[in-house]
């Protein structure tokens, strides 16, 4: 009887230990399973996708005769992949590339359907506006076409002169207020080395110029693709004809970008751009092309004696050096 009680007592003592053992074993099993699953997930090797576009390792140097150049691929979501750079962070005069910012400020602040007087072109101008003076007014939107397509300096100043109707800066005259907005916008979109002294890009006095870097020009154009595409759409026109309000007189606007008149090879993919030239800046050119598999290629050259031949070398280099 005593032995039987001892066996029962031992059984009662063993059972709790057995239950505890099984519980600990199960906890370890499931815990180790969760850790193992997390570790597998963390170390899972996914097939690597190469940065787009893929670099061709056998590429040659483009050997550009420019002060600075930069090229980048901009995806549809706005992310940027650098393709080529030469002195891309050097601050240089950008001449009439400045008019892209001028157009951006107009589209952002003005009612472009409003009428404006053509005579305002005559107030501040270093270029003759030819037969466009034959009528008295046109819309603000129409003024953008000669400014961007034929790089008309008078158009840039005329659009700045009417800024007192749109930009609230009573302490400055109209042009100064407009240029102030250009500089504020450059700061707002983080163009740290970009500054403006006028809306046209003409060389100023005492060694003052509209300045930027090749990389920041590309960044700004990438911003326009996302936020203000119209100004680039205007720049893609090789020819545009303005009509007077009565449709009796027309003004032909011819592009300064010779690539728009040549549809061979990559030139058929051009979706925008801007030329520039002054004595201080030499030849400047920014070009936007639609990439073969989506997105955009943005190229810029600054300080070139022949901006078109240098841009052609750069663009040929990009197409030969990358797989799209």
Protein backbone atom coordinates (compact mmCIF):
# COMPACT_ATOMS: atom_id res chain seq x y z
CA UNK A 1 0.00 0.00 0.00
CA UNK A 2 2.85 2.37 0.86
CA UNK A 3 4.64 1.47 -2.39
CA UNK A 4 1.43 2.14 -4.33
CA UNK A 5 1.10 5.57 -2.72
CA UNK A 6 4.75 6.33 -3.56
CA UNK A 7 4.09 5.45 -7.21
CA UNK A 8 1.04 7.69 -7.31
CA UNK A 9 3.00 10.49 -5.65
CA UNK A 10 5.81 10.09 -8.18
CA UNK A 11 3.27 10.16 -10.98
CA UNK A 12 1.81 13.44 -9.71
CA UNK A 13 5.29 14.88 -9.52
CA UNK A 14 6.25 13.73 -13.03
CA UNK A 15 3.10 14.98 -14.80
CA UNK A 16 3.68 18.70 -14.11
CA UNK A 17 7.28 18.41 -15.23
CA UNK A 18 6.14 16.60 -18.37
CA UNK A 19 3.57 19.30 -19.15
CA UNK A 20 6.15 22.03 -18.54
CA UNK A 21 8.65 20.24 -20.78
CA UNK A 22 6.13 19.93 -23.62
CA UNK A 23 5.13 23.58 -23.26
CA UNK A 24 8.73 24.78 -23.38
CA UNK A 25 9.46 22.51 -26.34
CA UNK A 26 6.47 23.87 -28.24
CA UNK A 27 7.39 27.46 -27.43
CA UNK A 28 10.95 26.91 -28.65
CA UNK A 29 9.71 25.21 -31.78
CA UNK A 30 7.31 27.96 -32.73
CA UNK A 31 9.70 30.75 -31.67
CA UNK A 32 12.56 29.26 -33.63
CA UNK A 33 10.23 28.82 -36.55
CA UNK A 34 9.28 32.51 -36.49
CA UNK A 35 12.93 33.58 -36.23
CA UNK A 36 13.87 31.24 -39.03
CA UNK A 37 11.05 32.62 -41.16
CA UNK A 38 12.17 36.22 -40.47
CA UNK A 39 15.75 35.34 -41.29
CA UNK A 40 14.72 33.68 -44.54
CA UNK A 41 12.69 36.74 -45.46
CA UNK A 42 15.54 39.10 -44.63
CA UNK A 43 18.07 37.11 -46.64
CA UNK A 44 15.81 36.36 -49.58
CA UNK A 45 17.75 37.05 -52.76
CA UNK A 46 15.62 38.83 -55.34
CA UNK A 47 16.80 38.97 -58.92
CA UNK A 48 18.69 42.26 -59.19
CA UNK A 49 17.38 44.88 -61.61
CA UNK A 50 20.07 47.13 -63.07
CA UNK A 51 19.77 50.91 -62.86
CA UNK A 52 17.94 52.17 -65.92
CA UNK A 53 19.34 52.74 -68.44
CA UNK A 54 22.09 50.11 -68.33
CA UNK A 55 25.62 51.35 -68.94
CA UNK A 56 27.62 49.99 -71.86
CA UNK A 57 31.11 49.29 -70.50
CA UNK A 58 32.73 49.78 -73.91
CA UNK A 59 31.71 53.43 -74.23
CA UNK A 60 34.12 56.10 -75.45
CA UNK A 61 34.64 59.60 -74.08
CA UNK A 62 32.57 62.19 -76.02
CA UNK A 63 35.50 64.68 -75.96
CA UNK A 64 33.34 67.79 -75.71
CA UNK A 65 34.64 71.33 -76.34
CA UNK A 66 32.41 73.03 -73.78
CA UNK A 67 32.72 74.72 -70.40
CA UNK A 68 30.26 72.29 -68.84
CA UNK A 69 27.84 69.53 -69.75
CA UNK A 70 25.43 67.21 -67.99
CA UNK A 71 23.08 64.44 -69.03
CA UNK A 72 20.49 62.58 -66.98
CA UNK A 73 17.70 60.09 -67.40
CA UNK A 74 14.45 61.21 -65.76
CA UNK A 75 11.89 58.49 -65.12
CA UNK A 76 8.16 59.11 -65.40
CA UNK A 77 7.94 59.44 -61.62
CA UNK A 78 10.61 62.16 -61.59
CA UNK A 79 13.58 60.19 -60.22
CA UNK A 80 16.91 61.01 -61.86
CA UNK A 81 19.86 58.87 -62.94
CA UNK A 82 23.03 60.71 -63.98
CA UNK A 83 24.46 59.62 -67.34
CA UNK A 84 27.35 62.02 -67.98
CA UNK A 85 28.91 65.05 -66.36
CA UNK A 86 31.65 67.55 -67.15
CA UNK A 87 32.09 70.47 -64.74
CA UNK A 88 28.39 70.01 -64.05
CA UNK A 89 28.54 71.95 -60.77
CA UNK A 90 30.45 74.94 -62.13
CA UNK A 91 28.42 78.18 -62.04
CA UNK A 92 28.26 79.75 -65.50
CA UNK A 93 26.17 82.22 -67.53
CA UNK A 94 23.17 80.46 -69.11
CA UNK A 95 21.99 83.15 -71.56
CA UNK A 96 18.48 82.55 -72.95
CA UNK A 97 18.01 79.23 -71.18
CA UNK A 98 16.82 81.73 -68.55
CA UNK A 99 13.60 82.17 -70.53
CA UNK A 100 12.41 78.77 -69.33
CA UNK A 101 12.18 80.26 -65.84
CA UNK A 102 10.56 83.40 -67.27
CA UNK A 103 7.89 81.28 -68.93
CA UNK A 104 7.43 79.23 -65.77
CA UNK A 105 6.82 82.38 -63.69
CA UNK A 106 4.32 83.67 -66.26
CA UNK A 107 2.37 80.41 -66.31
CA UNK A 108 2.43 80.18 -62.52
CA UNK A 109 1.31 83.76 -61.78
CA UNK A 110 -0.52 85.17 -64.81
CA UNK A 111 -3.92 84.64 -66.33
CA UNK A 112 -2.57 83.72 -69.75
CA UNK A 113 -5.89 84.39 -71.47
CA UNK A 114 -5.72 88.07 -70.51
CA UNK A 115 -4.91 90.63 -73.17
CA UNK A 116 -1.70 92.67 -73.06
CA UNK A 117 -0.53 95.61 -75.14
CA UNK A 118 2.07 94.92 -77.78
CA UNK A 119 3.41 98.48 -77.35
CA UNK A 120 4.89 97.33 -74.03
CA UNK A 121 7.56 95.55 -76.08
CA UNK A 122 9.01 98.89 -77.06
CA UNK A 123 9.75 100.02 -73.51
CA UNK A 124 12.74 97.83 -72.68
CA UNK A 125 14.23 96.07 -75.68
CA UNK A 126 17.50 95.42 -77.48
CA UNK A 127 15.85 93.58 -80.37
CA UNK A 128 13.43 94.72 -83.03
CA UNK A 129 10.07 92.97 -82.93
CA UNK A 130 9.43 93.48 -86.65
CA UNK A 131 5.85 93.39 -87.94
CA UNK A 132 4.32 92.12 -84.71
CA UNK A 133 3.95 95.80 -83.80
CA UNK A 134 1.31 96.09 -86.51
CA UNK A 135 -1.47 95.36 -84.01
CA UNK A 136 -2.09 96.73 -80.57
CA UNK A 137 -2.62 93.73 -78.32
CA UNK A 138 -2.57 89.96 -77.99
CA UNK A 139 -2.99 87.41 -75.22
CA UNK A 140 -0.29 86.75 -72.65
CA UNK A 141 -0.20 83.13 -73.81
CA UNK A 142 0.60 84.15 -77.37
CA UNK A 143 3.54 86.22 -76.12
CA UNK A 144 5.16 83.06 -74.77
CA UNK A 145 5.63 81.64 -78.27
CA UNK A 146 8.07 84.21 -79.69
CA UNK A 147 9.88 84.36 -76.35
CA UNK A 148 10.52 80.61 -76.23
CA UNK A 149 10.60 79.54 -79.88
CA UNK A 150 12.63 82.37 -81.42
CA UNK A 151 14.14 83.46 -78.08
CA UNK A 152 12.78 86.97 -78.46
CA UNK A 153 14.22 89.24 -75.77
CA UNK A 154 11.57 91.91 -76.24
CA UNK A 155 8.87 89.36 -75.46
CA UNK A 156 10.62 88.41 -72.22
CA UNK A 157 10.81 92.03 -71.07
CA UNK A 158 7.23 92.73 -72.11
CA UNK A 159 5.95 89.84 -70.00
CA UNK A 160 8.00 91.09 -67.05
CA UNK A 161 6.76 94.66 -67.48
CA UNK A 162 3.15 93.66 -66.82
CA UNK A 163 4.07 91.84 -63.59
CA UNK A 164 2.66 94.66 -61.45
CA UNK A 165 -0.77 93.26 -62.28
CA UNK A 166 0.13 89.83 -60.92
CA UNK A 167 3.10 89.98 -58.55
CA UNK A 168 2.64 91.94 -55.33
CA UNK A 169 5.89 93.84 -54.81
CA UNK A 170 5.21 97.56 -54.48
CA UNK A 171 8.79 98.41 -53.55
CA UNK A 172 10.28 97.51 -56.94
CA UNK A 173 9.48 98.33 -60.53
CA UNK A 174 7.77 95.72 -62.68
CA UNK A 175 10.88 94.08 -64.14
CA UNK A 176 12.67 94.01 -60.79
CA UNK A 177 9.61 92.45 -59.15
CA UNK A 178 9.44 89.81 -61.86
CA UNK A 179 13.16 88.96 -61.55
CA UNK A 180 12.67 88.77 -57.79
CA UNK A 181 10.02 86.11 -58.37
CA UNK A 182 12.43 84.20 -60.63
CA UNK A 183 15.04 84.15 -57.87
CA UNK A 184 12.51 83.17 -55.19
CA UNK A 185 11.31 80.30 -57.35
CA UNK A 186 14.87 79.09 -57.94
CA UNK A 187 15.40 79.08 -54.18
CA UNK A 188 12.09 77.35 -53.55
CA UNK A 189 12.90 74.42 -55.82
CA UNK A 190 16.43 74.16 -54.36
CA UNK A 191 18.48 75.54 -57.25
CA UNK A 192 21.19 76.83 -54.92
CA UNK A 193 23.58 78.07 -57.62
CA UNK A 194 20.99 79.62 -59.91
CA UNK A 195 20.31 83.37 -59.96
CA UNK A 196 18.82 85.92 -62.36
CA UNK A 197 19.35 89.62 -63.07
CA UNK A 198 16.84 89.91 -65.93
CA UNK A 199 14.06 87.89 -67.63
CA UNK A 200 15.87 87.44 -70.96
CA UNK A 201 19.35 86.10 -70.24
CA UNK A 202 21.15 89.05 -71.87
CA UNK A 203 24.53 89.92 -70.35
CA UNK A 204 24.24 92.59 -67.69
CA UNK A 205 26.58 95.41 -66.86
CA UNK A 206 29.57 95.17 -64.53
CA UNK A 207 30.04 91.45 -65.11
CA UNK A 208 26.56 90.43 -63.96
CA UNK A 209 24.78 87.52 -65.63
CA UNK A 210 21.98 85.04 -65.23
CA UNK A 211 23.82 82.09 -63.70
CA UNK A 212 23.33 78.40 -63.09
CA UNK A 213 25.12 75.06 -63.42
CA UNK A 214 24.65 72.35 -66.02
CA UNK A 215 23.27 70.03 -63.37
CA UNK A 216 20.81 72.57 -62.00
CA UNK A 217 19.56 73.35 -65.51
CA UNK A 218 18.79 69.64 -65.90
CA UNK A 219 17.15 69.57 -62.46
CA UNK A 220 14.98 72.54 -63.36
CA UNK A 221 13.90 71.06 -66.68
CA UNK A 222 13.10 67.81 -64.89
CA UNK A 223 10.94 69.85 -62.53
CA UNK A 224 9.15 71.46 -65.49
CA UNK A 225 8.40 68.03 -66.94
CA UNK A 226 6.56 67.18 -63.74
CA UNK A 227 5.02 70.53 -62.77
CA UNK A 228 4.76 72.88 -65.76
CA UNK A 229 5.00 70.91 -68.99
CA UNK A 230 3.37 73.60 -71.16
CA UNK A 231 6.52 75.69 -71.42
CA UNK A 232 8.40 72.69 -72.84
CA UNK A 233 5.52 71.89 -75.18
CA UNK A 234 5.83 75.42 -76.59
CA UNK A 235 9.58 74.97 -77.03
CA UNK A 236 9.01 71.85 -79.14
CA UNK A 237 7.49 73.89 -81.98
CA UNK A 238 9.80 74.47 -84.93
CA UNK A 239 7.41 77.07 -86.33
CA UNK A 240 4.43 79.00 -85.04
CA UNK A 241 2.30 81.71 -86.63
CA UNK A 242 0.72 84.41 -84.49
CA UNK A 243 -2.35 86.23 -85.79
CA UNK A 244 -3.64 89.67 -84.98
CA UNK A 245 -7.06 89.81 -83.30
CA UNK A 246 -8.76 90.48 -86.65
CA UNK A 247 -6.74 87.64 -88.28
CA UNK A 248 -5.64 90.04 -91.03
CA UNK A 249 -1.95 90.13 -90.05
CA UNK A 250 0.31 87.29 -89.05
CA UNK A 251 3.71 87.08 -87.43
CA UNK A 252 5.92 84.04 -88.26
CA UNK A 253 7.92 82.61 -85.38
CA UNK A 254 10.87 80.40 -86.41
CA UNK A 255 12.76 78.25 -83.96
CA UNK A 256 16.39 78.86 -83.05
CA UNK A 257 16.81 75.13 -82.37
CA UNK A 258 17.98 73.61 -85.67
CA UNK A 259 17.48 70.07 -84.34
CA UNK A 260 13.70 70.55 -84.51
CA UNK A 261 13.96 70.86 -88.29
CA UNK A 262 15.86 67.58 -88.65
CA UNK A 263 13.85 64.42 -87.89
CA UNK A 264 16.62 61.89 -88.38
CA UNK A 265 17.87 59.48 -85.69
CA UNK A 266 17.20 60.67 -82.13
CA UNK A 267 16.06 64.13 -83.28
CA UNK A 268 12.55 62.80 -83.87
CA UNK A 269 12.33 62.12 -80.12
CA UNK A 270 12.84 65.77 -79.07
CA UNK A 271 10.04 66.99 -76.82
CA UNK A 272 11.50 70.36 -75.81
CA UNK A 273 14.55 72.46 -75.15
CA UNK A 274 16.00 75.96 -75.25
CA UNK A 275 18.89 77.68 -76.98
CA UNK A 276 21.02 80.48 -75.61
CA UNK A 277 23.94 82.65 -76.71
CA UNK A 278 25.65 85.78 -75.43
CA UNK A 279 29.21 87.10 -75.56
CA UNK A 280 29.79 85.98 -71.98
CA UNK A 281 27.95 82.66 -72.10
CA UNK A 282 28.89 81.55 -75.63
CA UNK A 283 26.60 78.83 -76.96
CA UNK A 284 24.18 77.14 -74.56
CA UNK A 285 21.60 74.47 -75.26
CA UNK A 286 19.31 72.22 -73.27
CA UNK A 287 17.54 69.38 -75.02
CA UNK A 288 14.78 67.07 -73.79
CA UNK A 289 14.26 63.76 -75.56
CA UNK A 290 11.74 61.01 -74.99
CA UNK A 291 13.68 57.89 -73.98
CA UNK A 292 13.11 54.71 -76.02
CA UNK A 293 11.40 52.78 -73.21
CA UNK A 294 9.71 55.64 -71.33
CA UNK A 295 10.99 58.55 -69.31
CA UNK A 296 13.19 61.32 -70.66
CA UNK A 297 16.80 62.15 -71.44
CA UNK A 298 17.81 65.72 -70.59
CA UNK A 299 21.11 67.01 -71.99
CA UNK A 300 22.70 70.41 -71.50
CA UNK A 301 25.87 72.05 -72.80
CA UNK A 302 27.17 75.43 -71.60
CA UNK A 303 29.97 77.58 -72.97
CA UNK A 304 30.25 76.00 -76.42
CA UNK A 305 31.57 77.66 -79.56
CA UNK A 306 29.24 75.40 -81.57
CA UNK A 307 26.40 74.36 -79.27
CA UNK A 308 24.70 72.15 -81.85
CA UNK A 309 27.71 70.05 -82.83
CA UNK A 310 28.65 69.62 -79.16
CA UNK A 311 25.09 68.63 -78.26
CA UNK A 312 25.06 66.16 -81.13
CA UNK A 313 28.27 64.57 -79.83
CA UNK A 314 26.85 64.37 -76.32
CA UNK A 315 23.54 62.88 -77.40
CA UNK A 316 25.16 60.36 -79.74
CA UNK A 317 27.41 59.36 -76.86
CA UNK A 318 24.42 58.78 -74.55
CA UNK A 319 22.61 56.59 -77.08
CA UNK A 320 25.78 54.60 -77.78
CA UNK A 321 26.78 54.27 -74.12
CA UNK A 322 23.51 53.15 -72.56
CA UNK A 323 20.98 50.42 -73.21
CA UNK A 324 17.43 51.70 -72.86
